[in-house]
Amino acid sequence: MTDRSPLTRPFPPLTPIGGVTLRVARAHYKTWDRADLTLIELVEGTTVAGVFTRNVCCSSEVEMGRKQVRLGRARAVVVNAGNSNAFTGYRGRDAVEAIMAQVAAHLGCAPSDVFVSSTGVIGVPLPQDKARAGVAAALSAPATSWEEAALTIGTTDTFPKGSGASAMLGSTRVELAGIIKGSGMIAPDMATMLGYIATDAAVAPAFLQEMLSKANQESFSCITVDGDTSTSDTVLLLATGKAGNAPLEGWESPGADAFYAALRQLCLDLAQLVVRDGEGARKFITVSVTGAESDESARRIGLVVANSPLVKTAIAGEDANWGRVVMAVGKAGEPADRDRLSIGFGGIWAAREGMPLANYDEAPVAAHLKGEEVTLEIDLGLADGRATVWTCDLTHGYISINADYRS
């Protein structure tokens, strides 16, 4: 990982999670001198929840993961970096099944308890010989840190991404830790990258899934870098139960609200880290939408604005061109009234109720746009719906990275 994003955040100290062992190895999927296979071993009895891409050209890893997660249990996760194994037909599926069988034989569990994710170039079958050797090396490798695992799952990422949280479930303290990879091909559609969150809390599978799906809608599904949804997007939540708490079965369980609050904050942290590492990004952009007919309508409008190349390039150029925001709101296909629409930057309104302000001074807005963190406000003036979406600017760096991606 070189040429770090200027929006980088240091990797935080993460508490080890009871029942989780992290290992990495070199499968040599690409001609790079780095670990590119991650193994997450999980204690027996671990429950699992997951959200996955809805891209219809998804990988076998995603297709199989959707079915596996319904069983609610997991013993291991294998993550391959450098090859997405998507759009590879039966050869791709064979490679996934071989990895599942190899790990399952070592751990003495069912193959369905082994989840596989792959990320990288699309259309190249995962080489089974390299995968087999990489898995074997990982199974015998020493335990490693969350930071090393975060580095290993990355592709075009410029810094490792992780976050931690804790919650009190009655008198029992539970810990959460998560890592994520993502930089480009980021648009919300259930999940937007590869992310793995572990907790030592005991949580029933159905409730674990309910909480992850809810947290996803408020975090990963509110970010976008380029409007493109990957074929491999996966977020898994793994609960080992090693903290010893009474299992959380539903919202009425003591401590359920505290656990969800910690999970939601962790997901928000991870989601925003992905945006901060958007390919070529130089500015972290918060799009705040208020006054919409519903929260969901506000979110959709926010995403259309955040995905607009004209809006993103204007902010990259530090140009307070609020007309481009008006355009994006108008094309969103959501309820809006031109004569009630207000646009602002950094808390300074440029236009109110369909008209530019007579005393509008662009100087403070221009100063705001020169910073690394930019806020864009949109008030539709219709009702009480609101949402916040996060994105980044669009620079020439995005073109350079993606033009050279396969080389």
Protein backbone atom coordinates (compact mmCIF):
# COMPACT_ATOMS: atom_id res chain seq x y z
CA MET A 1 0.00 0.00 0.00
CA THR A 2 1.62 3.21 -1.22
CA ASP A 3 0.61 6.80 -1.97
CA ARG A 4 -1.70 6.96 1.00
CA SER A 5 -4.92 8.90 0.73
CA PRO A 6 -4.60 12.32 2.40
CA LEU A 7 -7.82 11.42 4.23
CA THR A 8 -6.24 8.41 5.95
CA ARG A 9 -6.88 7.50 9.56
CA PRO A 10 -4.39 5.54 11.70
CA PHE A 11 -5.28 1.93 12.45
CA PRO A 12 -6.69 1.80 15.99
CA PRO A 13 -5.65 -0.61 18.74
CA LEU A 14 -8.23 -3.41 18.63
CA THR A 15 -9.00 -5.73 21.51
CA PRO A 16 -8.51 -9.45 20.70
CA ILE A 17 -11.86 -11.19 20.42
CA GLY A 18 -12.23 -14.42 22.37
CA GLY A 19 -12.75 -17.36 20.03
CA VAL A 20 -11.18 -15.62 17.01
CA THR A 21 -7.74 -16.43 15.59
CA LEU A 22 -6.34 -14.50 12.64
CA ARG A 23 -3.70 -15.89 10.27
CA VAL A 24 -2.30 -14.70 6.94
CA ALA A 25 -0.24 -16.30 4.17
CA ARG A 26 1.11 -15.73 0.67
CA ALA A 27 -0.85 -17.45 -2.07
CA HIS A 28 0.89 -15.37 -4.78
CA TYR A 29 -2.34 -14.59 -6.63
CA LYS A 30 -0.53 -11.64 -8.23
CA THR A 31 3.10 -10.75 -8.77
CA TRP A 32 3.39 -8.87 -5.51
CA ASP A 33 5.57 -9.43 -2.48
CA ARG A 34 2.92 -9.51 0.24
CA ALA A 35 0.46 -11.72 2.08
CA ASP A 36 -2.76 -12.07 0.11
CA LEU A 37 -4.75 -14.79 1.89
CA THR A 38 -6.43 -14.26 5.26
CA LEU A 39 -7.84 -17.00 7.48
CA ILE A 40 -10.21 -16.19 10.33
CA GLU A 41 -10.62 -19.23 12.58
CA LEU A 42 -13.67 -19.27 14.84
CA VAL A 43 -14.50 -21.30 17.93
CA GLU A 44 -17.21 -23.93 17.65
CA GLY A 45 -20.63 -22.45 18.32
CA THR A 46 -19.95 -19.14 16.53
CA THR A 47 -23.07 -17.63 14.97
CA VAL A 48 -22.96 -15.63 11.74
CA ALA A 49 -24.92 -13.01 9.84
CA GLY A 50 -24.15 -11.51 6.46
CA VAL A 51 -25.17 -9.01 3.83
CA PHE A 52 -24.16 -9.43 0.21
CA THR A 53 -24.16 -7.62 -3.11
CA ARG A 54 -27.25 -7.84 -5.31
CA ASN A 55 -25.13 -7.55 -8.44
CA VAL A 56 -26.57 -10.31 -10.67
CA CYS A 57 -23.06 -11.10 -11.98
CA CYS A 58 -21.88 -11.96 -8.47
CA SER A 59 -19.10 -14.41 -7.66
CA SER A 60 -19.60 -18.01 -6.55
CA GLU A 61 -18.33 -16.90 -3.14
CA VAL A 62 -21.31 -14.56 -2.78
CA GLU A 63 -23.79 -17.02 -4.25
CA MET A 64 -22.72 -19.73 -1.82
CA GLY A 65 -22.34 -17.36 1.11
CA ARG A 66 -25.97 -16.29 0.83
CA LYS A 67 -27.04 -19.90 1.34
CA GLN A 68 -24.50 -20.65 4.06
CA VAL A 69 -25.45 -17.67 6.20
CA ARG A 70 -29.01 -18.99 6.50
CA LEU A 71 -27.61 -21.88 8.56
CA GLY A 72 -26.42 -19.33 11.12
CA ARG A 73 -23.06 -20.91 12.01
CA ALA A 74 -19.42 -20.44 11.03
CA ARG A 75 -16.04 -21.95 11.87
CA ALA A 76 -13.80 -20.07 9.45
CA VAL A 77 -13.56 -17.34 6.84
CA VAL A 78 -10.99 -17.33 4.01
CA VAL A 79 -10.36 -14.10 2.11
CA ASN A 80 -8.40 -14.07 -1.16
CA ALA A 81 -6.98 -10.75 -2.41
CA GLY A 82 -5.96 -10.06 -5.99
CA ASN A 83 -8.52 -12.25 -7.77
CA SER A 84 -12.28 -11.80 -7.44
CA ASN A 85 -13.07 -15.21 -8.97
CA ALA A 86 -16.23 -13.60 -10.39
CA PHE A 87 -17.62 -14.40 -13.85
CA THR A 88 -15.59 -17.62 -13.92
CA GLY A 89 -18.32 -20.28 -14.24
CA TYR A 90 -17.94 -23.77 -12.83
CA ARG A 91 -14.18 -23.33 -12.41
CA GLY A 92 -14.77 -20.53 -9.95
CA ARG A 93 -17.26 -22.58 -7.97
CA ASP A 94 -14.92 -25.58 -7.95
CA ALA A 95 -12.16 -23.40 -6.47
CA VAL A 96 -14.44 -22.18 -3.68
CA GLU A 97 -15.64 -25.68 -2.86
CA ALA A 98 -12.04 -26.92 -2.75
CA ILE A 99 -11.09 -24.22 -0.23
CA MET A 100 -14.13 -24.98 1.90
CA ALA A 101 -13.35 -28.70 1.91
CA GLN A 102 -9.65 -28.15 2.73
CA VAL A 103 -10.36 -25.91 5.72
CA ALA A 104 -13.27 -28.05 6.91
CA ALA A 105 -11.10 -31.16 6.91
CA HIS A 106 -8.50 -29.39 9.03
CA LEU A 107 -11.02 -28.01 11.54
CA GLY A 108 -13.29 -31.04 11.59
CA CYS A 109 -16.41 -29.12 10.60
CA ALA A 110 -18.89 -29.10 7.73
CA PRO A 111 -17.75 -27.34 4.53
CA SER A 112 -20.81 -25.09 4.85
CA ASP A 113 -19.28 -23.66 8.03
CA VAL A 114 -16.40 -22.21 5.98
CA PHE A 115 -17.06 -18.89 4.22
CA VAL A 116 -14.92 -17.71 1.31
CA SER A 117 -14.53 -14.19 -0.11
CA SER A 118 -12.39 -13.08 -3.02
CA THR A 119 -11.56 -9.61 -4.32
CA GLY A 120 -9.60 -8.33 -7.28
CA VAL A 121 -9.69 -8.71 -11.04
CA ILE A 122 -12.96 -10.03 -12.50
CA GLY A 123 -13.04 -12.85 -15.05
CA VAL A 124 -9.97 -14.83 -14.02
CA PRO A 125 -10.63 -18.20 -12.31
CA LEU A 126 -9.02 -18.51 -8.89
CA PRO A 127 -5.99 -20.80 -9.42
CA GLN A 128 -6.66 -23.86 -7.28
CA ASP A 129 -3.01 -24.78 -6.88
CA LYS A 130 -2.16 -21.37 -5.45
CA ALA A 131 -5.27 -21.36 -3.27
CA ARG A 132 -4.49 -24.83 -1.92
CA ALA A 133 -0.92 -23.88 -1.07
CA GLY A 134 -2.00 -20.57 0.44
CA VAL A 135 -4.63 -22.18 2.63
CA ALA A 136 -2.16 -24.82 3.81
CA ALA A 137 0.34 -22.10 4.70
CA ALA A 138 -2.33 -20.10 6.55
CA LEU A 139 -3.51 -23.10 8.56
CA SER A 140 -0.01 -23.56 9.97
CA ALA A 141 0.87 -19.86 10.25
CA PRO A 142 1.22 -18.12 13.64
CA ALA A 143 -1.66 -15.99 14.87
CA THR A 144 -1.48 -12.38 13.74
CA SER A 145 -3.11 -9.00 14.43
CA TRP A 146 -6.23 -7.31 13.13
CA GLU A 147 -4.03 -4.73 11.42
CA GLU A 148 -2.07 -7.37 9.53
CA ALA A 149 -5.32 -9.03 8.49
CA ALA A 150 -6.66 -5.66 7.29
CA LEU A 151 -3.54 -5.12 5.20
CA THR A 152 -3.82 -8.59 3.70
CA ILE A 153 -7.43 -8.29 2.48
CA GLY A 154 -6.73 -5.01 0.66
CA THR A 155 -6.26 -4.49 -3.09
CA THR A 156 -6.17 -0.86 -4.23
CA ASP A 157 -6.59 0.30 -0.63
CA THR A 158 -3.93 2.77 0.48
CA PHE A 159 -4.26 2.14 4.23
CA PRO A 160 -5.59 -0.65 6.47
CA LYS A 161 -9.05 0.00 7.89
CA GLY A 162 -10.35 -1.12 11.27
CA SER A 163 -12.56 -0.10 14.13
CA GLY A 164 -13.51 -1.39 17.57
CA ALA A 165 -16.31 -0.92 20.07
CA SER A 166 -17.62 -2.35 23.32
CA ALA A 167 -20.93 -2.61 25.15
CA MET A 168 -22.20 -3.61 28.56
CA LEU A 169 -24.79 -6.38 28.53
CA GLY A 170 -25.89 -6.17 32.13
CA SER A 171 -22.69 -6.79 34.10
CA THR A 172 -20.89 -8.38 31.14
CA ARG A 173 -18.63 -6.33 28.90
CA VAL A 174 -18.53 -7.49 25.30
CA GLU A 175 -16.05 -6.42 22.63
CA LEU A 176 -16.43 -5.86 18.90
CA ALA A 177 -13.67 -5.51 16.30
CA GLY A 178 -13.92 -5.12 12.55
CA ILE A 179 -11.80 -4.69 9.43
CA ILE A 180 -12.81 -3.68 5.95
CA LYS A 181 -11.37 -3.29 2.48
CA GLY A 182 -12.69 -1.03 -0.22
CA SER A 183 -11.49 1.88 -2.30
CA GLY A 184 -13.17 1.75 -5.71
CA MET A 185 -16.21 0.01 -7.21
CA ILE A 186 -18.13 1.28 -4.19
CA ALA A 187 -21.88 1.88 -4.28
CA PRO A 188 -24.48 0.79 -1.75
CA ASP A 189 -26.46 -2.33 -2.56
CA MET A 190 -26.78 -4.34 0.69
CA ALA A 191 -23.02 -4.18 1.14
CA THR A 192 -20.30 -2.26 -0.61
CA MET A 193 -16.97 -4.00 -0.06
CA LEU A 194 -15.47 -6.85 2.00
CA GLY A 195 -15.93 -6.39 5.73
CA TYR A 196 -15.55 -8.73 8.71
CA ILE A 197 -16.80 -7.90 12.19
CA ALA A 198 -16.29 -10.18 15.19
CA THR A 199 -17.68 -10.02 18.70
CA ASP A 200 -17.35 -12.20 21.78
CA ALA A 201 -21.03 -11.64 22.59
CA ALA A 202 -23.49 -14.53 22.42
CA VAL A 203 -26.21 -13.63 19.91
CA ALA A 204 -28.86 -15.83 18.30
CA PRO A 205 -28.36 -16.08 14.51
CA ALA A 206 -31.74 -14.59 13.53
CA PHE A 207 -31.29 -11.56 15.79
CA LEU A 208 -27.67 -11.16 14.68
CA GLN A 209 -28.91 -10.98 11.08
CA GLU A 210 -31.64 -8.50 11.97
CA MET A 211 -29.16 -6.17 13.66
CA LEU A 212 -26.57 -6.37 10.86
CA SER A 213 -29.20 -5.68 8.19
CA LYS A 214 -30.43 -2.65 10.12
CA ALA A 215 -26.92 -1.33 10.75
CA ASN A 216 -26.04 -1.85 7.10
CA GLN A 217 -28.91 0.36 5.96
CA GLU A 218 -27.59 3.17 8.15
CA SER A 219 -23.91 2.83 7.26
CA PHE A 220 -22.58 0.79 4.33
CA SER A 221 -25.67 1.54 2.26
CA CYS A 222 -25.12 5.27 2.78
CA ILE A 223 -21.70 5.52 1.13
CA THR A 224 -20.58 5.72 -2.47
CA VAL A 225 -17.30 6.33 -4.25
CA ASP A 226 -18.16 5.83 -7.89
CA GLY A 227 -21.66 4.39 -8.17
CA ASP A 228 -20.41 0.92 -9.15
CA THR A 229 -21.54 -2.09 -7.10
CA SER A 230 -18.96 -4.87 -6.94
CA THR A 231 -19.60 -8.50 -7.88
CA SER A 232 -18.06 -9.63 -4.58
CA ASP A 233 -19.45 -7.34 -1.87
CA THR A 234 -19.79 -9.07 1.50
CA VAL A 235 -20.04 -8.06 5.14
CA LEU A 236 -20.02 -10.83 7.75
CA LEU A 237 -20.78 -10.46 11.47
CA LEU A 238 -19.40 -13.27 13.64
CA ALA A 239 -20.41 -13.82 17.27
CA THR A 240 -18.35 -16.33 19.26
CA GLY A 241 -20.22 -16.17 22.57
CA LYS A 242 -16.98 -16.32 24.56
CA ALA A 243 -17.93 -13.32 26.73
CA GLY A 244 -20.36 -15.56 28.56
CA ASN A 245 -23.42 -13.29 28.43
CA ALA A 246 -26.95 -14.61 28.30
CA PRO A 247 -27.57 -14.91 24.52
CA LEU A 248 -29.28 -11.95 22.91
CA GLU A 249 -32.46 -13.32 21.34
CA GLY A 250 -34.28 -10.12 20.39
CA TRP A 251 -34.71 -6.44 21.15
CA GLU A 252 -36.25 -7.28 24.51
CA SER A 253 -33.07 -9.04 25.66
CA PRO A 254 -31.17 -7.06 28.36
CA GLY A 255 -28.34 -5.16 26.68
CA ALA A 256 -29.64 -5.59 23.12
CA ASP A 257 -29.95 -1.83 22.54
CA ALA A 258 -26.44 -1.22 23.89
CA PHE A 259 -25.00 -3.93 21.65
CA TYR A 260 -26.77 -2.55 18.59
CA ALA A 261 -25.54 0.98 19.32
CA ALA A 262 -21.96 -0.30 19.44
CA LEU A 263 -22.43 -2.32 16.26
CA ARG A 264 -24.00 0.61 14.40
CA GLN A 265 -21.17 2.97 15.38
CA LEU A 266 -18.55 0.42 14.33
CA CYS A 267 -20.27 -0.02 10.95
CA LEU A 268 -20.40 3.75 10.48
CA ASP A 269 -16.70 4.03 11.26
CA LEU A 270 -15.79 1.30 8.78
CA ALA A 271 -18.06 2.69 6.07
CA GLN A 272 -16.59 6.17 6.34
CA LEU A 273 -13.05 4.76 6.23
CA VAL A 274 -13.85 3.26 2.82
CA VAL A 275 -14.93 6.68 1.53
CA ARG A 276 -11.78 8.27 2.96
CA ASP A 277 -9.77 5.84 0.84
CA GLY A 278 -11.82 6.35 -2.33
CA GLU A 279 -9.56 5.94 -5.34
CA GLY A 280 -7.91 9.29 -5.97
CA ALA A 281 -9.94 10.96 -3.21
CA ARG A 282 -8.77 14.27 -1.82
CA LYS A 283 -11.95 15.38 -0.07
CA PHE A 284 -14.36 13.60 2.28
CA ILE A 285 -17.88 14.80 1.49
CA THR A 286 -20.92 14.65 3.77
CA VAL A 287 -24.24 15.12 1.96
CA SER A 288 -27.02 16.05 4.38
CA VAL A 289 -30.57 15.91 3.04
CA THR A 290 -33.53 17.26 5.03
CA GLY A 291 -37.13 18.14 4.27
CA ALA A 292 -37.80 15.09 2.10
CA GLU A 293 -41.08 13.17 1.97
CA SER A 294 -39.44 10.21 3.76
CA ASP A 295 -36.08 9.11 5.11
CA GLU A 296 -35.70 6.63 2.24
CA SER A 297 -36.47 9.33 -0.33
CA ALA A 298 -33.86 11.56 1.33
CA ARG A 299 -31.29 8.74 1.14
CA ARG A 300 -31.97 8.15 -2.56
CA ILE A 301 -31.64 11.85 -3.34
CA GLY A 302 -28.44 12.04 -1.33
CA LEU A 303 -26.95 9.12 -3.25
CA VAL A 304 -27.84 10.62 -6.64
CA VAL A 305 -26.11 13.85 -5.64
CA ALA A 306 -23.13 11.96 -4.20
CA ASN A 307 -22.77 9.90 -7.39
CA SER A 308 -22.98 12.85 -9.78
CA PRO A 309 -19.65 13.23 -11.63
CA LEU A 310 -20.42 16.91 -12.12
CA VAL A 311 -20.96 17.50 -8.40
CA LYS A 312 -17.91 15.44 -7.45
CA THR A 313 -15.60 17.16 -9.96
CA ALA A 314 -16.86 20.60 -8.94
CA ILE A 315 -15.92 19.86 -5.33
CA ALA A 316 -12.59 18.42 -6.48
CA GLY A 317 -11.99 21.75 -8.21
CA GLU A 318 -13.18 23.64 -5.11
CA ASP A 319 -15.91 25.27 -7.20
CA ALA A 320 -19.10 26.20 -5.32
CA ASN A 321 -21.27 25.37 -8.32
CA TRP A 322 -24.56 24.76 -6.52
CA GLY A 323 -26.37 24.59 -9.85
CA ARG A 324 -24.94 21.11 -10.30
CA VAL A 325 -26.52 20.07 -7.02
CA VAL A 326 -29.88 21.41 -8.21
CA MET A 327 -29.49 19.34 -11.38
CA ALA A 328 -28.73 16.16 -9.41
CA VAL A 329 -31.69 16.64 -7.07
CA GLY A 330 -33.97 17.20 -10.03
CA LYS A 331 -32.94 14.01 -11.83
CA ALA A 332 -33.24 11.76 -8.76
CA GLY A 333 -36.81 10.74 -9.55
CA GLU A 334 -37.93 11.57 -6.02
CA PRO A 335 -40.51 14.14 -4.87
CA ALA A 336 -38.99 17.63 -5.04
CA ASP A 337 -40.22 21.15 -5.64
CA ARG A 338 -37.91 23.58 -7.38
CA ASP A 339 -39.43 26.52 -5.54
CA ARG A 340 -38.86 25.01 -2.09
CA LEU A 341 -35.33 23.71 -2.64
CA SER A 342 -32.41 25.15 -0.65
CA ILE A 343 -28.69 24.42 -1.17
CA GLY A 344 -25.78 25.16 1.15
CA PHE A 345 -22.11 24.40 1.74
CA GLY A 346 -20.53 24.14 5.18
CA GLY A 347 -23.55 25.66 6.91
CA ILE A 348 -23.72 28.62 4.52
CA TRP A 349 -26.82 28.78 2.32
CA ALA A 350 -26.23 29.69 -1.31
CA ALA A 351 -29.85 29.36 -2.42
CA ARG A 352 -33.07 29.29 -0.43
CA GLU A 353 -36.55 28.24 -1.56
CA GLY A 354 -35.70 28.05 -5.23
CA MET A 355 -33.71 31.29 -5.50
CA PRO A 356 -30.09 32.38 -5.02
CA LEU A 357 -29.70 34.55 -1.95
CA ALA A 358 -29.38 38.23 -2.77
CA ASN A 359 -26.62 38.70 -0.19
CA TYR A 360 -24.81 35.43 -0.95
CA ASP A 361 -21.07 35.74 -0.36
CA GLU A 362 -19.11 32.95 -2.05
CA ALA A 363 -15.83 33.69 -0.24
CA PRO A 364 -16.56 31.67 2.95
CA VAL A 365 -17.96 28.82 0.85
CA ALA A 366 -14.81 28.81 -1.27
CA ALA A 367 -12.75 28.67 1.92
CA HIS A 368 -14.81 25.70 3.14
CA LEU A 369 -14.28 23.84 -0.14
CA LYS A 370 -10.51 24.17 0.20
CA GLY A 371 -10.59 21.92 3.26
CA GLU A 372 -10.32 18.12 3.24
CA GLU A 373 -13.80 17.72 4.74
CA VAL A 374 -16.73 19.24 2.86
CA THR A 375 -20.37 19.37 3.91
CA LEU A 376 -23.17 19.82 1.39
CA GLU A 377 -26.67 20.65 2.69
CA ILE A 378 -29.89 20.06 0.77
CA ASP A 379 -33.29 21.03 2.19
CA LEU A 380 -36.27 20.04 0.04
CA GLY A 381 -38.81 21.87 2.21
CA LEU A 382 -41.48 19.18 1.77
CA ALA A 383 -41.70 17.12 4.98
CA ASP A 384 -39.54 15.63 7.75
CA GLY A 385 -37.55 12.98 5.88
CA ARG A 386 -33.80 13.17 6.37
CA ALA A 387 -30.66 11.19 5.60
CA THR A 388 -26.89 11.56 5.52
CA VAL A 389 -24.73 10.10 2.77
CA TRP A 390 -20.95 10.08 2.52
CA THR A 391 -18.81 10.23 -0.62
CA CYS A 392 -15.55 11.66 -1.94
CA ASP A 393 -14.50 13.89 -4.79
CA LEU A 394 -13.62 12.65 -8.27
CA THR A 395 -10.07 13.41 -9.36
CA HIS A 396 -7.69 12.37 -12.12
CA GLY A 397 -6.22 9.91 -9.63
CA TYR A 398 -9.35 7.75 -10.02
CA ILE A 399 -8.71 7.49 -13.75
CA SER A 400 -5.04 6.66 -13.29
CA ILE A 401 -5.72 3.90 -10.75
CA ASN A 402 -8.43 2.21 -12.77
CA ALA A 403 -6.72 2.56 -16.16
CA ASP A 404 -3.80 0.55 -14.77
CA TYR A 405 -5.82 -1.83 -12.56
CA ARG A 406 -5.00 -5.12 -14.31
CA SER A 407 -1.29 -4.44 -14.81
